[in-house]
Amino acid sequence: MAVPFKVNLNGKVALVTGGGGVLCSTMAKALAECGATVAVADLRLEAADKVAKEIQAAGGKALPVACNVLERASLDAANAEVEKKLGPIDILINGAGGNHPKGTTSMEYLNPDDLVKTNPELVTFYDLDPKGIEFVFNLNFIGTLLPSQAFTRQMALRRKGTILNISSMNAFRPLTKIPAYSGAKAAVSNLTQWMAVHMAKAGIRVNAIAPGFFLADQNRALLTKPDGSLTPRGQTIMSHTAMGRFGEPKDLVGALLWLVSDDAAGFVTGVIVPVDGGFSAFSGV
């Protein structure tokens, strides 16, 4: 793939969780384009294999790996496979994450009249399922913590490496209706800063990217109609995005390459970089 600029990742081994997805597959391809050997890790091996083959077809080096970011045994097995076939990991991208309907309210605002409801499908704040909240928090926060434990021990022993977490604009400006996802991504940002301090003496840099609004499989139906026009929620987001468009996967590549490069960002750790078209800067007025 074409990248906006190249950094030297020759000889580096990178692992991308959620690598079969739209955004993280683009990151995996960009890392490979800059010379890294990429372990494409995903819960769905077929999705990881597809991306790895695309990287290989473009002349890069990649290995598909199946793993569940919520199961330490699965992560340890993936790490053992990568270390055996590629060597120890130098760059970890914690890209796996997502939301769940059970952590979502039906309406943006609480209407007391809804508390005496006749519609069983209406979900108010008081109806949020703790299991749904737990699932979203685990997928995003624990799904960042456990891979960081499983894949970076050799980084610490070798006293060098970099971790890039994927936070969200929700961590800066929590969106209505999705308290679980917003809270979980805020936790990812906080963990990023904590890890940056904790791992600094071990030579490991830890940063995060906070994407704004990118159309992907998980949110496309929420933001656009079948004919491609915007839903009301999509219109609200667009009216608050200064640049007036959704992000494209390639828009993440510049920040990614800067942050993973020791030459470019060797003194950068503990930052969360918004890539949001100005959403976080706009007050709404």
Protein backbone atom coordinates (compact mmCIF):
# COMPACT_ATOMS: atom_id res chain seq x y z
CA MET A 1 0.00 0.00 0.00
CA ALA A 2 1.05 3.63 -0.44
CA VAL A 3 2.15 5.34 2.78
CA PRO A 4 2.53 9.11 3.27
CA PHE A 5 6.15 8.66 4.33
CA LYS A 6 8.39 5.77 5.26
CA VAL A 7 10.13 5.01 8.52
CA ASN A 8 12.75 2.32 8.83
CA LEU A 9 11.18 -0.76 10.41
CA ASN A 10 13.51 -3.24 8.75
CA GLY A 11 14.28 -6.14 11.07
CA LYS A 12 11.35 -5.30 13.36
CA VAL A 13 8.59 -7.73 14.26
CA ALA A 14 5.18 -6.14 14.76
CA LEU A 15 2.00 -7.75 16.06
CA VAL A 16 -1.42 -6.21 15.43
CA THR A 17 -4.42 -7.48 17.40
CA GLY A 18 -7.72 -7.08 15.58
CA GLY A 19 -5.59 -7.22 12.46
CA GLY A 20 -8.38 -8.66 10.34
CA GLY A 21 -10.52 -5.54 10.72
CA VAL A 22 -10.78 -2.55 8.41
CA LEU A 23 -8.66 -0.09 10.40
CA CYS A 24 -6.13 -2.51 11.86
CA SER A 25 -5.53 -4.30 8.56
CA THR A 26 -4.53 -0.93 7.10
CA MET A 27 -2.10 -0.45 10.00
CA ALA A 28 -0.66 -3.93 9.46
CA LYS A 29 -0.11 -3.22 5.77
CA ALA A 30 1.54 0.13 6.51
CA LEU A 31 3.96 -1.47 8.97
CA ALA A 32 4.84 -4.12 6.39
CA GLU A 33 5.36 -1.44 3.73
CA CYS A 34 8.00 0.10 6.00
CA GLY A 35 9.87 -3.19 6.35
CA ALA A 36 8.39 -4.79 9.45
CA THR A 37 7.47 -8.46 9.55
CA VAL A 38 3.86 -8.39 10.74
CA ALA A 39 1.98 -10.94 12.81
CA VAL A 40 -1.66 -10.34 11.93
CA ALA A 41 -3.56 -11.49 15.01
CA ASP A 42 -7.31 -11.87 15.06
CA LEU A 43 -10.01 -13.94 16.74
CA ARG A 44 -10.97 -15.06 13.22
CA LEU A 45 -8.02 -16.85 11.66
CA GLU A 46 -9.56 -16.60 8.20
CA ALA A 47 -9.66 -12.79 8.48
CA ALA A 48 -6.04 -12.70 9.66
CA ASP A 49 -5.01 -15.04 6.86
CA LYS A 50 -6.67 -12.84 4.22
CA VAL A 51 -4.77 -9.76 5.39
CA ALA A 52 -1.48 -11.67 5.68
CA LYS A 53 -1.85 -12.94 2.12
CA GLU A 54 -2.52 -9.40 0.89
CA ILE A 55 0.67 -8.22 2.59
CA GLN A 56 2.63 -11.11 1.09
CA ALA A 57 1.21 -10.44 -2.37
CA ALA A 58 2.48 -6.86 -2.11
CA GLY A 59 5.98 -8.12 -1.31
CA GLY A 60 5.80 -7.87 2.48
CA LYS A 61 6.29 -10.43 5.21
CA ALA A 62 3.35 -11.48 7.36
CA LEU A 63 2.09 -14.33 9.53
CA PRO A 64 -1.59 -14.92 10.37
CA VAL A 65 -2.18 -15.79 14.01
CA ALA A 66 -5.39 -16.74 15.79
CA CYS A 67 -5.85 -15.43 19.30
CA ASN A 68 -8.49 -14.27 21.74
CA VAL A 69 -7.44 -11.06 23.50
CA LEU A 70 -9.54 -12.01 26.53
CA GLU A 71 -7.86 -15.38 27.11
CA ARG A 72 -4.31 -15.36 28.44
CA ALA A 73 -3.64 -18.96 27.36
CA SER A 74 -4.62 -18.08 23.79
CA LEU A 75 -2.36 -15.03 23.84
CA ASP A 76 0.57 -16.98 25.28
CA ALA A 77 0.17 -19.60 22.54
CA ALA A 78 0.13 -16.87 19.90
CA ASN A 79 3.22 -15.27 21.39
CA ALA A 80 5.05 -18.59 21.38
CA GLU A 81 4.13 -19.14 17.73
CA VAL A 82 5.30 -15.67 16.72
CA GLU A 83 8.56 -15.90 18.64
CA LYS A 84 9.28 -19.32 17.12
CA LYS A 85 8.54 -18.31 13.53
CA LEU A 86 9.47 -14.61 13.48
CA GLY A 87 11.39 -13.79 16.65
CA PRO A 88 10.52 -11.56 19.62
CA ILE A 89 8.02 -8.77 19.11
CA ASP A 90 9.32 -5.20 18.82
CA ILE A 91 6.05 -3.38 18.13
CA LEU A 92 2.63 -4.18 19.59
CA ILE A 93 -0.53 -2.57 18.21
CA ASN A 94 -3.47 -3.21 20.56
CA GLY A 95 -6.20 -2.80 17.98
CA ALA A 96 -8.89 -5.25 19.12
CA GLY A 97 -11.98 -3.62 20.61
CA GLY A 98 -15.59 -2.74 19.99
CA ASN A 99 -19.02 -2.03 21.42
CA HIS A 100 -22.10 -4.13 22.22
CA PRO A 101 -25.83 -3.29 22.09
CA LYS A 102 -26.27 -4.38 25.72
CA GLY A 103 -24.05 -1.49 26.80
CA THR A 104 -26.14 1.04 24.89
CA THR A 105 -29.22 3.12 25.75
CA SER A 106 -32.02 3.62 23.25
CA MET A 107 -32.18 7.40 23.61
CA GLU A 108 -29.66 10.21 23.94
CA TYR A 109 -31.44 11.79 26.91
CA LEU A 110 -33.32 10.33 29.85
CA ASN A 111 -37.05 11.03 29.69
CA PRO A 112 -38.71 10.28 33.04
CA ASP A 113 -41.84 9.26 31.16
CA ASP A 114 -39.87 6.34 29.70
CA LEU A 115 -39.48 4.88 33.19
CA VAL A 116 -43.13 3.90 33.07
CA LYS A 117 -42.67 2.27 29.73
CA THR A 118 -44.83 0.05 27.63
CA ASN A 119 -42.15 -0.73 25.05
CA PRO A 120 -40.05 -3.65 26.31
CA GLU A 121 -37.35 -2.91 23.72
CA LEU A 122 -36.68 0.58 25.09
CA VAL A 123 -33.43 0.61 27.08
CA THR A 124 -33.01 3.43 29.58
CA PHE A 125 -30.02 4.06 31.82
CA TYR A 126 -31.72 1.95 34.47
CA ASP A 127 -32.06 -1.00 32.12
CA LEU A 128 -28.41 -1.27 31.09
CA ASP A 129 -27.28 -4.87 31.40
CA PRO A 130 -24.26 -5.22 33.73
CA LYS A 131 -23.10 -8.18 31.65
CA GLY A 132 -23.18 -6.02 28.54
CA ILE A 133 -21.20 -3.30 30.29
CA GLU A 134 -18.72 -5.91 31.49
CA PHE A 135 -18.32 -7.36 28.00
CA VAL A 136 -17.53 -3.96 26.46
CA PHE A 137 -15.14 -3.01 29.25
CA ASN A 138 -13.36 -6.33 29.06
CA LEU A 139 -13.04 -6.29 25.27
CA ASN A 140 -11.47 -2.85 25.23
CA PHE A 141 -9.60 -2.53 28.54
CA ILE A 142 -8.76 -6.13 29.43
CA GLY A 143 -8.27 -6.74 25.70
CA THR A 144 -5.48 -4.16 25.87
CA LEU A 145 -4.03 -5.18 29.22
CA LEU A 146 -3.71 -8.93 28.59
CA PRO A 147 -2.00 -8.67 25.17
CA SER A 148 0.41 -6.13 26.65
CA GLN A 149 1.32 -8.67 29.32
CA ALA A 150 1.57 -11.57 26.89
CA PHE A 151 3.48 -9.94 24.04
CA THR A 152 5.93 -7.52 25.67
CA ARG A 153 7.95 -9.52 28.21
CA GLN A 154 10.80 -9.87 25.72
CA MET A 155 10.65 -6.13 25.10
CA ALA A 156 11.28 -5.55 28.79
CA LEU A 157 14.08 -8.12 28.93
CA ARG A 158 15.73 -6.56 25.86
CA ARG A 159 15.00 -3.03 27.17
CA LYS A 160 13.44 -1.76 23.96
CA GLY A 161 10.07 -1.79 22.25
CA THR A 162 6.96 0.20 21.59
CA ILE A 163 3.27 -0.29 22.31
CA LEU A 164 0.51 1.57 20.52
CA ASN A 165 -2.97 1.34 21.99
CA ILE A 166 -6.15 2.30 20.19
CA SER A 167 -8.29 4.62 22.27
CA SER A 168 -11.20 6.63 20.84
CA MET A 169 -12.67 10.08 20.53
CA ASN A 170 -15.15 8.79 23.12
CA ALA A 171 -12.36 9.01 25.68
CA PHE A 172 -12.17 12.78 25.12
CA ARG A 173 -15.83 13.54 24.46
CA PRO A 174 -18.16 10.74 25.57
CA LEU A 175 -20.91 10.12 23.06
CA THR A 176 -24.54 9.80 24.04
CA LYS A 177 -26.06 6.29 24.23
CA ILE A 178 -22.79 4.36 24.63
CA PRO A 179 -21.57 4.76 28.22
CA ALA A 180 -19.82 1.38 28.32
CA TYR A 181 -17.69 2.04 25.23
CA SER A 182 -16.90 5.61 26.25
CA GLY A 183 -15.86 4.55 29.74
CA ALA A 184 -13.80 1.63 28.45
CA LYS A 185 -11.88 3.78 25.98
CA ALA A 186 -11.26 6.39 28.68
CA ALA A 187 -9.76 3.54 30.69
CA VAL A 188 -7.56 2.60 27.73
CA SER A 189 -6.23 6.18 27.57
CA ASN A 190 -5.54 6.15 31.31
CA LEU A 191 -3.84 2.77 31.07
CA THR A 192 -1.69 4.09 28.23
CA GLN A 193 -0.36 6.89 30.44
CA TRP A 194 0.12 4.54 33.39
CA MET A 195 2.03 2.01 31.29
CA ALA A 196 4.15 4.76 29.74
CA VAL A 197 5.45 5.73 33.17
CA HIS A 198 5.69 2.17 34.48
CA MET A 199 7.66 0.90 31.48
CA ALA A 200 9.84 3.93 30.81
CA LYS A 201 12.87 2.61 32.69
CA ALA A 202 12.57 -0.66 30.73
CA GLY A 203 12.96 1.21 27.45
CA ILE A 204 9.38 0.63 26.29
CA ARG A 205 7.42 3.55 24.86
CA VAL A 206 3.61 3.44 25.20
CA ASN A 207 1.29 5.74 23.28
CA ALA A 208 -2.21 5.69 21.81
CA ILE A 209 -4.16 6.91 18.83
CA ALA A 210 -7.72 8.17 19.42
CA PRO A 211 -9.59 7.87 16.11
CA GLY A 212 -12.57 10.10 15.49
CA PHE A 213 -15.32 8.81 13.26
CA PHE A 214 -14.37 6.22 10.68
CA LEU A 215 -16.92 4.12 8.81
CA ALA A 216 -16.37 0.44 9.57
CA ASP A 217 -18.46 -2.71 9.82
CA GLN A 218 -19.44 -2.01 13.42
CA ASN A 219 -20.86 1.48 12.95
CA ARG A 220 -21.80 1.81 9.29
CA ALA A 221 -25.49 1.04 9.85
CA LEU A 222 -25.62 3.53 12.73
CA LEU A 223 -24.16 6.41 10.75
CA THR A 224 -25.35 5.83 7.19
CA LYS A 225 -28.52 4.62 5.48
CA PRO A 226 -28.51 1.88 2.82
CA ASP A 227 -28.46 4.58 0.11
CA GLY A 228 -25.31 6.11 1.63
CA SER A 229 -26.97 9.19 3.12
CA LEU A 230 -26.43 10.05 6.77
CA THR A 231 -28.64 8.90 9.62
CA PRO A 232 -29.62 11.56 12.18
CA ARG A 233 -26.73 10.41 14.38
CA GLY A 234 -24.38 10.57 11.43
CA GLN A 235 -25.58 14.09 10.67
CA THR A 236 -24.91 15.20 14.23
CA ILE A 237 -21.38 13.79 14.10
CA MET A 238 -20.69 15.39 10.74
CA SER A 239 -21.94 18.78 11.93
CA HIS A 240 -19.41 18.61 14.77
CA THR A 241 -16.48 17.44 12.66
CA ALA A 242 -14.69 20.56 11.48
CA MET A 243 -13.26 18.93 8.35
CA GLY A 244 -16.72 17.78 7.30
CA ARG A 245 -16.03 14.13 6.50
CA PHE A 246 -15.53 10.73 8.05
CA GLY A 247 -12.01 9.47 8.45
CA GLU A 248 -10.55 6.92 6.07
CA PRO A 249 -8.28 4.11 7.27
CA LYS A 250 -5.27 5.72 5.55
CA ASP A 251 -5.74 8.79 7.76
CA LEU A 252 -4.37 6.79 10.72
CA VAL A 253 -1.16 5.79 9.00
CA GLY A 254 0.85 8.96 9.54
CA ALA A 255 0.29 8.98 13.31
CA LEU A 256 0.92 5.23 13.45
CA LEU A 257 4.28 5.40 11.68
CA TRP A 258 5.43 8.43 13.67
CA LEU A 259 4.63 6.84 17.02
CA VAL A 260 6.13 3.39 16.32
CA SER A 261 9.38 4.82 14.95
CA ASP A 262 12.15 5.20 17.52
CA ASP A 263 13.92 7.58 15.14
CA ALA A 264 10.89 9.86 14.77
CA ALA A 265 9.30 9.55 18.24
CA GLY A 266 12.05 8.23 20.48
CA PHE A 267 11.28 10.82 23.16
CA VAL A 268 7.49 10.50 22.89
CA THR A 269 5.64 8.35 25.41
CA GLY A 270 2.34 8.61 27.27
CA VAL A 271 0.49 10.64 24.63
CA ILE A 272 -2.97 10.04 23.18
CA VAL A 273 -3.14 11.53 19.70
CA PRO A 274 -6.58 12.46 18.30
CA VAL A 275 -7.07 11.71 14.62
CA ASP A 276 -10.53 13.18 14.33
CA GLY A 277 -10.87 15.89 11.70
CA GLY A 278 -11.22 18.54 14.41
CA PHE A 279 -14.11 16.94 16.31
CA SER A 280 -12.44 17.30 19.72
CA ALA A 281 -11.56 20.96 19.04
CA PHE A 282 -15.09 22.05 18.07
CA SER A 283 -17.33 23.39 20.82
CA GLY A 284 -20.48 23.00 18.74
CA VAL A 285 -20.82 26.77 18.27
